[in-house]
Amino acid sequence: MTNHTLKKFDRDLEQIKAELNELASIVLKEFEQAIDIFDQPNTELADNIVAQDRIANQCLSNIEQHGARVLARQHAVADDLRFILSSMRIAPRLERVGDYAKSMAVKSSQFKQVIPDELNEIFHQMHLHLVTMLRSVIEAYNTKNATQANVVWEGDDTLDAYYRDVYTRLIQGFSQQTTSSQQLVELLFIAKGLERAGDHISDIATDVQFMVNGA
């Protein structure tokens, strides 16, 4: 490739990285607002998250199109090829994580009863752990740190443990009838969504490891 072509290629790589970080920023913001709605139901804020999610969808489309154009136009070396392919795999996973934040916000905005303190605390711990995983995996992507990505991958076990605890408490709630069955069902869906979001973040961590090590 000529010097001019190389510079254009480098700019393309930086643009893909910037677009993915923009998507990650939107998803993080969605989760930060979703827990606020969980604590204090707010349909207006939930509508705002739905609007943000549409922007996230556009970011995903931009990354996919940009990556495809670069692959079609340039003959990338192995490291750059792994970066492009990994970014194109990470982007839809991030968008899916954002979908779970949107679902949490919309469901929480309809809550009519106060969530019991112990259950509320576990949801907050689960949410905090998820957001920490998300921040860390994006940092691992930006710094090409496979070791950090592996720590994120291992952290999914903790999220699964939180989910099992929440699930047990919610099932007990159905028999105790201290909270409406409808709200318990919604809480169960939210908990499962957080658990599934963690699975996607774990997959992103695997993508980062491939990007760095090629395996």
C-alpha atoms as a PDB file:
ATOM      1  CA  MET A   1       0.000   0.000   0.000  1.00  0.00           C
ATOM      2  CA  THR A   2       1.191   3.556  -0.704  1.00  0.00           C
ATOM      3  CA  ASN A   3       1.856   5.981   2.152  1.00  0.00           C
ATOM      4  CA  HIS A   4      -1.387   7.804   1.367  1.00  0.00           C
ATOM      5  CA  THR A   5      -3.326   4.544   1.377  1.00  0.00           C
ATOM      6  CA  LEU A   6      -1.756   3.503   4.674  1.00  0.00           C
ATOM      7  CA  LYS A   7      -2.772   6.777   6.306  1.00  0.00           C
ATOM      8  CA  LYS A   8      -6.325   6.369   5.027  1.00  0.00           C
ATOM      9  CA  PHE A   9      -6.390   2.805   6.346  1.00  0.00           C
ATOM     10  CA  ASP A  10      -5.159   3.926   9.774  1.00  0.00           C
ATOM     11  CA  ARG A  11      -7.857   6.601   9.868  1.00  0.00           C
ATOM     12  CA  ASP A  12     -10.449   3.964   9.020  1.00  0.00           C
ATOM     13  CA  LEU A  13      -9.292   1.792  11.916  1.00  0.00           C
ATOM     14  CA  GLU A  14      -9.426   4.740  14.310  1.00  0.00           C
ATOM     15  CA  GLN A  15     -12.904   5.599  13.060  1.00  0.00           C
ATOM     16  CA  ILE A  16     -14.166   2.072  13.685  1.00  0.00           C
ATOM     17  CA  LYS A  17     -12.701   2.226  17.188  1.00  0.00           C
ATOM     18  CA  ALA A  18     -14.334   5.616  17.819  1.00  0.00           C
ATOM     19  CA  GLU A  19     -17.702   4.389  16.556  1.00  0.00           C
ATOM     20  CA  LEU A  20     -17.572   1.352  18.809  1.00  0.00           C
ATOM     21  CA  ASN A  21     -16.692   3.518  21.807  1.00  0.00           C
ATOM     22  CA  GLU A  22     -19.632   5.770  20.991  1.00  0.00           C
ATOM     23  CA  LEU A  23     -21.905   2.725  21.014  1.00  0.00           C
ATOM     24  CA  ALA A  24     -20.427   1.558  24.322  1.00  0.00           C
ATOM     25  CA  SER A  25     -20.965   5.018  25.825  1.00  0.00           C
ATOM     26  CA  ILE A  26     -24.643   4.954  24.853  1.00  0.00           C
ATOM     27  CA  VAL A  27     -25.124   1.486  26.334  1.00  0.00           C
ATOM     28  CA  LEU A  28     -23.443   2.498  29.598  1.00  0.00           C
ATOM     29  CA  LYS A  29     -25.657   5.569  29.825  1.00  0.00           C
ATOM     30  CA  GLU A  30     -28.720   3.410  29.239  1.00  0.00           C
ATOM     31  CA  PHE A  31     -27.777   1.184  32.162  1.00  0.00           C
ATOM     32  CA  GLU A  32     -27.026   4.127  34.443  1.00  0.00           C
ATOM     33  CA  GLN A  33     -30.465   5.567  33.737  1.00  0.00           C
ATOM     34  CA  ALA A  34     -32.177   2.176  33.931  1.00  0.00           C
ATOM     35  CA  ILE A  35     -31.175   1.701  37.577  1.00  0.00           C
ATOM     36  CA  ASP A  36     -32.502   5.189  38.351  1.00  0.00           C
ATOM     37  CA  ILE A  37     -35.872   4.160  36.901  1.00  0.00           C
ATOM     38  CA  PHE A  38     -35.678   0.904  38.859  1.00  0.00           C
ATOM     39  CA  ASP A  39     -35.395   2.975  42.044  1.00  0.00           C
ATOM     40  CA  GLN A  40     -37.962   5.582  41.034  1.00  0.00           C
ATOM     41  CA  PRO A  41     -40.294   4.652  38.149  1.00  0.00           C
ATOM     42  CA  ASN A  42     -40.249   7.326  35.460  1.00  0.00           C
ATOM     43  CA  THR A  43     -41.932   6.776  32.102  1.00  0.00           C
ATOM     44  CA  GLU A  44     -40.409   9.924  30.584  1.00  0.00           C
ATOM     45  CA  LEU A  45     -36.867   8.759  31.339  1.00  0.00           C
ATOM     46  CA  ALA A  46     -37.756   5.308  30.012  1.00  0.00           C
ATOM     47  CA  ASP A  47     -38.892   6.908  26.754  1.00  0.00           C
ATOM     48  CA  ASN A  48     -35.533   8.685  26.600  1.00  0.00           C
ATOM     49  CA  ILE A  49     -33.715   5.355  26.873  1.00  0.00           C
ATOM     50  CA  VAL A  50     -35.854   3.947  24.069  1.00  0.00           C
ATOM     51  CA  ALA A  51     -34.771   6.922  21.941  1.00  0.00           C
ATOM     52  CA  GLN A  52     -31.116   6.364  22.872  1.00  0.00           C
ATOM     53  CA  ASP A  53     -31.456   2.740  21.855  1.00  0.00           C
ATOM     54  CA  ARG A  54     -32.435   3.817  18.349  1.00  0.00           C
ATOM     55  CA  ILE A  55     -29.193   5.805  18.184  1.00  0.00           C
ATOM     56  CA  ALA A  56     -27.323   2.699  19.345  1.00  0.00           C
ATOM     57  CA  ASN A  57     -28.902   0.746  16.499  1.00  0.00           C
ATOM     58  CA  GLN A  58     -27.619   3.351  14.041  1.00  0.00           C
ATOM     59  CA  CYS A  59     -24.135   3.149  15.575  1.00  0.00           C
ATOM     60  CA  LEU A  60     -24.190  -0.606  15.016  1.00  0.00           C
ATOM     61  CA  SER A  61     -25.169  -0.122  11.394  1.00  0.00           C
ATOM     62  CA  ASN A  62     -22.359   2.415  10.911  1.00  0.00           C
ATOM     63  CA  ILE A  63     -19.747   0.056  12.346  1.00  0.00           C
ATOM     64  CA  GLU A  64     -20.900  -2.873  10.240  1.00  0.00           C
ATOM     65  CA  GLN A  65     -20.942  -0.817   7.044  1.00  0.00           C
ATOM     66  CA  HIS A  66     -17.611   0.855   7.780  1.00  0.00           C
ATOM     67  CA  GLY A  67     -15.929  -2.434   8.603  1.00  0.00           C
ATOM     68  CA  ALA A  68     -17.287  -4.096   5.472  1.00  0.00           C
ATOM     69  CA  ARG A  69     -16.036  -1.236   3.281  1.00  0.00           C
ATOM     70  CA  VAL A  70     -12.547  -1.396   4.774  1.00  0.00           C
ATOM     71  CA  LEU A  71     -12.357  -5.168   4.325  1.00  0.00           C
ATOM     72  CA  ALA A  72     -13.481  -4.880   0.714  1.00  0.00           C
ATOM     73  CA  ARG A  73     -11.067  -2.057  -0.096  1.00  0.00           C
ATOM     74  CA  GLN A  74      -7.875  -3.001   1.727  1.00  0.00           C
ATOM     75  CA  HIS A  75      -5.698  -6.080   2.177  1.00  0.00           C
ATOM     76  CA  ALA A  76      -5.235  -5.944   5.935  1.00  0.00           C
ATOM     77  CA  VAL A  77      -2.391  -7.658   7.779  1.00  0.00           C
ATOM     78  CA  ALA A  78      -3.314 -10.230  10.419  1.00  0.00           C
ATOM     79  CA  ASP A  79      -3.416  -7.858  13.423  1.00  0.00           C
ATOM     80  CA  ASP A  80      -5.542  -5.279  11.634  1.00  0.00           C
ATOM     81  CA  LEU A  81      -7.804  -7.954  10.192  1.00  0.00           C
ATOM     82  CA  ARG A  82      -8.446  -9.346  13.674  1.00  0.00           C
ATOM     83  CA  PHE A  83      -9.173  -5.839  14.947  1.00  0.00           C
ATOM     84  CA  ILE A  84     -11.747  -5.189  12.226  1.00  0.00           C
ATOM     85  CA  LEU A  85     -13.423  -8.589  12.507  1.00  0.00           C
ATOM     86  CA  SER A  86     -13.486  -8.426  16.318  1.00  0.00           C
ATOM     87  CA  SER A  87     -14.972  -4.927  16.274  1.00  0.00           C
ATOM     88  CA  MET A  88     -17.680  -6.115  13.889  1.00  0.00           C
ATOM     89  CA  ARG A  89     -18.476  -8.993  16.263  1.00  0.00           C
ATOM     90  CA  ILE A  90     -18.365  -6.856  19.400  1.00  0.00           C
ATOM     91  CA  ALA A  91     -20.711  -4.173  18.039  1.00  0.00           C
ATOM     92  CA  PRO A  92     -23.868  -6.337  17.786  1.00  0.00           C
ATOM     93  CA  ARG A  93     -23.153  -7.820  21.200  1.00  0.00           C
ATOM     94  CA  LEU A  94     -22.960  -4.308  22.654  1.00  0.00           C
ATOM     95  CA  GLU A  95     -26.198  -3.358  20.939  1.00  0.00           C
ATOM     96  CA  ARG A  96     -27.858  -6.433  22.448  1.00  0.00           C
ATOM     97  CA  VAL A  97     -26.585  -5.480  25.907  1.00  0.00           C
ATOM     98  CA  GLY A  98     -28.241  -2.105  25.379  1.00  0.00           C
ATOM     99  CA  ASP A  99     -31.507  -3.850  24.538  1.00  0.00           C
ATOM    100  CA  TYR A 100     -31.502  -5.385  28.020  1.00  0.00           C
ATOM    101  CA  ALA A 101     -30.980  -1.945  29.566  1.00  0.00           C
ATOM    102  CA  LYS A 102     -33.935  -0.664  27.567  1.00  0.00           C
ATOM    103  CA  SER A 103     -36.066  -3.599  28.696  1.00  0.00           C
ATOM    104  CA  MET A 104     -35.109  -2.989  32.325  1.00  0.00           C
ATOM    105  CA  ALA A 105     -36.051   0.676  32.013  1.00  0.00           C
ATOM    106  CA  VAL A 106     -39.403   0.071  30.336  1.00  0.00           C
ATOM    107  CA  LYS A 107     -40.440  -2.668  32.771  1.00  0.00           C
ATOM    108  CA  SER A 108     -39.271  -0.712  35.833  1.00  0.00           C
ATOM    109  CA  SER A 109     -41.160   2.394  34.728  1.00  0.00           C
ATOM    110  CA  GLN A 110     -44.431   0.517  35.288  1.00  0.00           C
ATOM    111  CA  PHE A 111     -43.715  -0.633  38.853  1.00  0.00           C
ATOM    112  CA  LYS A 112     -46.509   0.131  41.322  1.00  0.00           C
ATOM    113  CA  GLN A 113     -45.049  -1.353  44.512  1.00  0.00           C
ATOM    114  CA  VAL A 114     -41.858  -0.768  46.478  1.00  0.00           C
ATOM    115  CA  ILE A 115     -39.326  -3.572  46.051  1.00  0.00           C
ATOM    116  CA  PRO A 116     -38.340  -5.267  49.355  1.00  0.00           C
ATOM    117  CA  ASP A 117     -35.027  -3.931  50.669  1.00  0.00           C
ATOM    118  CA  GLU A 118     -33.024  -7.168  50.508  1.00  0.00           C
ATOM    119  CA  LEU A 119     -34.156  -7.903  46.961  1.00  0.00           C
ATOM    120  CA  ASN A 120     -33.509  -4.320  45.918  1.00  0.00           C
ATOM    121  CA  GLU A 121     -29.970  -4.536  47.300  1.00  0.00           C
ATOM    122  CA  ILE A 122     -29.193  -7.688  45.303  1.00  0.00           C
ATOM    123  CA  PHE A 123     -30.477  -6.084  42.099  1.00  0.00           C
ATOM    124  CA  HIS A 124     -28.212  -3.103  42.756  1.00  0.00           C
ATOM    125  CA  GLN A 125     -25.214  -5.369  43.338  1.00  0.00           C
ATOM    126  CA  MET A 126     -26.001  -7.303  40.169  1.00  0.00           C
ATOM    127  CA  HIS A 127     -26.365  -4.096  38.171  1.00  0.00           C
ATOM    128  CA  LEU A 128     -23.110  -2.650  39.563  1.00  0.00           C
ATOM    129  CA  HIS A 129     -21.209  -5.825  38.745  1.00  0.00           C
ATOM    130  CA  LEU A 130     -22.585  -5.805  35.201  1.00  0.00           C
ATOM    131  CA  VAL A 131     -21.659  -2.166  34.596  1.00  0.00           C
ATOM    132  CA  THR A 132     -18.181  -2.808  36.019  1.00  0.00           C
ATOM    133  CA  MET A 133     -17.756  -5.734  33.613  1.00  0.00           C
ATOM    134  CA  LEU A 134     -18.905  -3.573  30.709  1.00  0.00           C
ATOM    135  CA  ARG A 135     -16.548  -0.702  31.525  1.00  0.00           C
ATOM    136  CA  SER A 136     -13.653  -3.104  31.997  1.00  0.00           C
ATOM    137  CA  VAL A 137     -14.183  -5.013  28.757  1.00  0.00           C
ATOM    138  CA  ILE A 138     -14.306  -1.770  26.750  1.00  0.00           C
ATOM    139  CA  GLU A 139     -11.080  -0.664  28.421  1.00  0.00           C
ATOM    140  CA  ALA A 140      -9.561  -4.044  27.514  1.00  0.00           C
ATOM    141  CA  TYR A 141     -10.653  -3.496  23.908  1.00  0.00           C
ATOM    142  CA  ASN A 142      -9.156  -0.005  23.777  1.00  0.00           C
ATOM    143  CA  THR A 143      -5.862  -1.033  25.373  1.00  0.00           C
ATOM    144  CA  LYS A 144      -5.703  -4.479  23.726  1.00  0.00           C
ATOM    145  CA  ASN A 145      -5.348  -6.122  27.130  1.00  0.00           C
ATOM    146  CA  ALA A 146      -6.131  -9.829  26.897  1.00  0.00           C
ATOM    147  CA  THR A 147      -5.447 -10.396  30.601  1.00  0.00           C
ATOM    148  CA  GLN A 148      -8.040  -7.811  31.593  1.00  0.00           C
ATOM    149  CA  ALA A 149     -10.491  -9.353  29.135  1.00  0.00           C
ATOM    150  CA  ASN A 150      -9.990 -12.723  30.801  1.00  0.00           C
ATOM    151  CA  VAL A 151     -10.785 -11.224  34.215  1.00  0.00           C
ATOM    152  CA  VAL A 152     -14.048  -9.904  32.761  1.00  0.00           C
ATOM    153  CA  TRP A 153     -14.826 -13.321  31.312  1.00  0.00           C
ATOM    154  CA  GLU A 154     -14.297 -14.946  34.710  1.00  0.00           C
ATOM    155  CA  GLY A 155     -16.502 -12.306  36.357  1.00  0.00           C
ATOM    156  CA  ASP A 156     -19.566 -13.689  34.614  1.00  0.00           C
ATOM    157  CA  ASP A 157     -19.702 -16.453  37.241  1.00  0.00           C
ATOM    158  CA  THR A 158     -20.391 -13.825  39.910  1.00  0.00           C
ATOM    159  CA  LEU A 159     -23.244 -12.401  37.854  1.00  0.00           C
ATOM    160  CA  ASP A 160     -24.715 -15.889  37.463  1.00  0.00           C
ATOM    161  CA  ALA A 161     -24.576 -16.323  41.243  1.00  0.00           C
ATOM    162  CA  TYR A 162     -26.468 -13.057  41.726  1.00  0.00           C
ATOM    163  CA  TYR A 163     -29.104 -14.256  39.270  1.00  0.00           C
ATOM    164  CA  ARG A 164     -29.582 -17.558  41.105  1.00  0.00           C
ATOM    165  CA  ASP A 165     -30.019 -15.657  44.374  1.00  0.00           C
ATOM    166  CA  VAL A 166     -32.568 -13.281  42.827  1.00  0.00           C
ATOM    167  CA  TYR A 167     -34.422 -16.155  41.173  1.00  0.00           C
ATOM    168  CA  THR A 168     -34.742 -18.031  44.480  1.00  0.00           C
ATOM    169  CA  ARG A 169     -36.025 -14.954  46.288  1.00  0.00           C
ATOM    170  CA  LEU A 170     -38.529 -14.146  43.547  1.00  0.00           C
ATOM    171  CA  ILE A 171     -39.925 -17.682  43.556  1.00  0.00           C
ATOM    172  CA  GLN A 172     -40.335 -17.389  47.327  1.00  0.00           C
ATOM    173  CA  GLY A 173     -42.116 -14.098  46.748  1.00  0.00           C
ATOM    174  CA  PHE A 174     -44.824 -15.828  44.713  1.00  0.00           C
ATOM    175  CA  SER A 175     -45.728 -18.009  47.698  1.00  0.00           C
ATOM    176  CA  GLN A 176     -45.461 -15.215  50.271  1.00  0.00           C
ATOM    177  CA  GLN A 177     -47.529 -12.804  48.140  1.00  0.00           C
ATOM    178  CA  THR A 178     -45.814  -9.721  49.573  1.00  0.00           C
ATOM    179  CA  THR A 179     -45.487  -8.292  46.048  1.00  0.00           C
ATOM    180  CA  SER A 180     -47.935  -8.558  43.161  1.00  0.00           C
ATOM    181  CA  SER A 181     -47.416 -11.527  40.860  1.00  0.00           C
ATOM    182  CA  GLN A 182     -47.176  -9.215  37.852  1.00  0.00           C
ATOM    183  CA  GLN A 183     -44.342  -7.194  39.369  1.00  0.00           C
ATOM    184  CA  LEU A 184     -42.542 -10.367  40.433  1.00  0.00           C
ATOM    185  CA  VAL A 185     -42.714 -11.622  36.854  1.00  0.00           C
ATOM    186  CA  GLU A 186     -41.301  -8.325  35.578  1.00  0.00           C
ATOM    187  CA  LEU A 187     -38.499  -8.501  38.150  1.00  0.00           C
ATOM    188  CA  LEU A 188     -37.721 -12.026  37.005  1.00  0.00           C
ATOM    189  CA  PHE A 189     -37.469 -10.844  33.392  1.00  0.00           C
ATOM    190  CA  ILE A 190     -35.195  -7.966  34.437  1.00  0.00           C
ATOM    191  CA  ALA A 191     -32.913 -10.310  36.387  1.00  0.00           C
ATOM    192  CA  LYS A 192     -32.728 -12.719  33.464  1.00  0.00           C
ATOM    193  CA  GLY A 193     -31.964  -9.801  31.153  1.00  0.00           C
ATOM    194  CA  LEU A 194     -29.052  -8.717  33.335  1.00  0.00           C
ATOM    195  CA  GLU A 195     -27.763 -12.278  33.385  1.00  0.00           C
ATOM    196  CA  ARG A 196     -27.995 -12.532  29.594  1.00  0.00           C
ATOM    197  CA  ALA A 197     -26.310  -9.137  29.204  1.00  0.00           C
ATOM    198  CA  GLY A 198     -23.451 -10.560  31.247  1.00  0.00           C
ATOM    199  CA  ASP A 199     -23.196 -13.484  28.837  1.00  0.00           C
ATOM    200  CA  HIS A 200     -22.829 -11.052  25.930  1.00  0.00           C
ATOM    201  CA  ILE A 201     -20.154  -9.079  27.793  1.00  0.00           C
ATOM    202  CA  SER A 202     -18.344 -12.355  28.454  1.00  0.00           C
ATOM    203  CA  ASP A 203     -18.484 -13.051  24.709  1.00  0.00           C
ATOM    204  CA  ILE A 204     -17.049  -9.580  24.059  1.00  0.00           C
ATOM    205  CA  ALA A 205     -14.180 -10.467  26.391  1.00  0.00           C
ATOM    206  CA  THR A 206     -13.537 -13.560  24.270  1.00  0.00           C
ATOM    207  CA  ASP A 207     -13.575 -11.385  21.139  1.00  0.00           C
ATOM    208  CA  VAL A 208     -10.975  -9.085  22.709  1.00  0.00           C
ATOM    209  CA  GLN A 209      -8.760 -12.061  23.513  1.00  0.00           C
ATOM    210  CA  PHE A 210      -9.006 -13.177  19.874  1.00  0.00           C
ATOM    211  CA  MET A 211      -8.252  -9.642  18.702  1.00  0.00           C
ATOM    212  CA  VAL A 212      -5.073  -9.543  20.789  1.00  0.00           C
ATOM    213  CA  ASN A 213      -3.822 -13.124  20.630  1.00  0.00           C
ATOM    214  CA  GLY A 214      -5.474 -14.567  17.558  1.00  0.00           C
ATOM    215  CA  ALA A 215      -6.875 -17.473  19.552  1.00  0.00           C
END
